[in-house]
Protein backbone atom coordinates (compact mmCIF):
# COMPACT_ATOMS: atom_id res chain seq x y z
CA UNK A 1 97.36 79.94 76.04
CA UNK A 2 95.51 79.34 72.78
CA UNK A 3 92.33 78.45 74.67
CA UNK A 4 92.51 81.74 76.57
CA UNK A 5 92.91 83.66 73.31
CA UNK A 6 89.95 81.90 71.71
CA UNK A 7 87.82 82.49 74.80
CA UNK A 8 88.71 86.19 74.79
CA UNK A 9 87.67 86.52 71.14
CA UNK A 10 84.38 84.66 71.70
CA UNK A 11 83.53 86.80 74.73
CA UNK A 12 84.37 90.00 72.89
CA UNK A 13 82.05 89.18 70.01
CA UNK A 14 79.21 87.88 72.15
CA UNK A 15 79.26 91.05 74.26
CA UNK A 16 79.21 93.26 71.18
CA UNK A 17 76.12 91.58 69.75
CA UNK A 18 74.17 92.28 72.93
CA UNK A 19 74.69 96.01 72.50
CA UNK A 20 74.07 96.34 68.78
CA UNK A 21 72.01 99.28 67.57
CA UNK A 22 68.94 98.98 65.38
CA UNK A 23 67.75 101.04 62.41
CA UNK A 24 65.31 103.90 63.00
CA UNK A 25 61.81 103.82 61.47
CA UNK A 26 60.65 106.60 59.10
CA UNK A 27 58.58 108.47 61.67
CA UNK A 28 61.41 108.60 64.21
CA UNK A 29 63.86 109.47 61.47
CA UNK A 30 61.81 112.56 60.56
CA UNK A 31 61.79 113.66 64.22
CA UNK A 32 65.54 113.21 64.53
CA UNK A 33 66.07 115.16 61.32
CA UNK A 34 63.93 118.02 62.68
CA UNK A 35 65.89 118.08 65.95
CA UNK A 36 69.18 118.28 64.04
CA UNK A 37 67.91 120.99 61.70
CA UNK A 38 66.87 123.06 64.73
CA UNK A 39 70.55 123.27 65.72
CA UNK A 40 71.83 123.81 62.18
CA UNK A 41 72.90 120.25 61.38
CA UNK A 42 71.91 117.60 58.82
CA UNK A 43 72.63 114.12 57.60
CA UNK A 44 74.39 111.36 59.47
CA UNK A 45 73.50 107.79 60.26
CA UNK A 46 70.53 107.33 62.62
CA UNK A 47 70.32 104.38 65.02
CA UNK A 48 68.43 103.46 68.16
CA UNK A 49 70.22 101.78 71.03
CA UNK A 50 68.80 98.36 71.80
CA UNK A 51 69.67 98.54 75.50
CA UNK A 52 66.91 99.48 77.94
CA UNK A 53 67.63 103.21 77.48
CA UNK A 54 66.30 103.27 73.90
CA UNK A 55 68.31 106.42 73.18
CA UNK A 56 68.85 107.54 69.60
CA UNK A 57 72.28 108.10 68.09
CA UNK A 58 73.34 110.09 65.08
CA UNK A 59 76.81 109.46 63.69
CA UNK A 60 78.62 111.88 61.41
CA UNK A 61 76.05 114.68 61.19
CA UNK A 62 77.32 117.71 59.28
CA UNK A 63 77.02 121.05 61.07
CA UNK A 64 78.22 124.55 60.28
CA UNK A 65 81.08 124.12 62.74
CA UNK A 66 82.13 120.59 61.75
CA UNK A 67 81.04 116.97 61.87
CA UNK A 68 79.49 115.62 65.08
CA UNK A 69 77.83 112.64 66.74
CA UNK A 70 74.63 113.21 68.72
CA UNK A 71 72.63 111.41 71.41
CA UNK A 72 68.89 112.07 71.68
CA UNK A 73 66.38 110.88 74.26
CA UNK A 74 63.08 109.13 73.50
CA UNK A 75 61.43 112.56 73.10
CA UNK A 76 64.03 113.51 70.46
CA UNK A 77 65.67 116.08 72.74
CA UNK A 78 69.41 116.37 72.10
CA UNK A 79 71.29 115.12 75.15
CA UNK A 80 74.81 115.48 73.85
CA UNK A 81 77.00 116.45 70.92
CA UNK A 82 80.57 115.28 70.42
CA UNK A 83 83.13 116.05 67.77
CA UNK A 84 83.54 113.17 65.38
């Protein structure tokens, strides 16, 4: 029983590391900021997914109608917006 619990914890953490996000460079950050400003939003934490998709994520952006998370494609086009 203890071995199964330890194995579950190890697998959970090893899977999480494979899907970690990476920081966004200054040039991409400026493009993300411009895309957010175009829809009346600002701020948030910018990250790029490390999976093959390479999508960008913005967490906790502040907009006129609340706080939201965004997904952007490699061309900095907003793909989705979800309430935080």
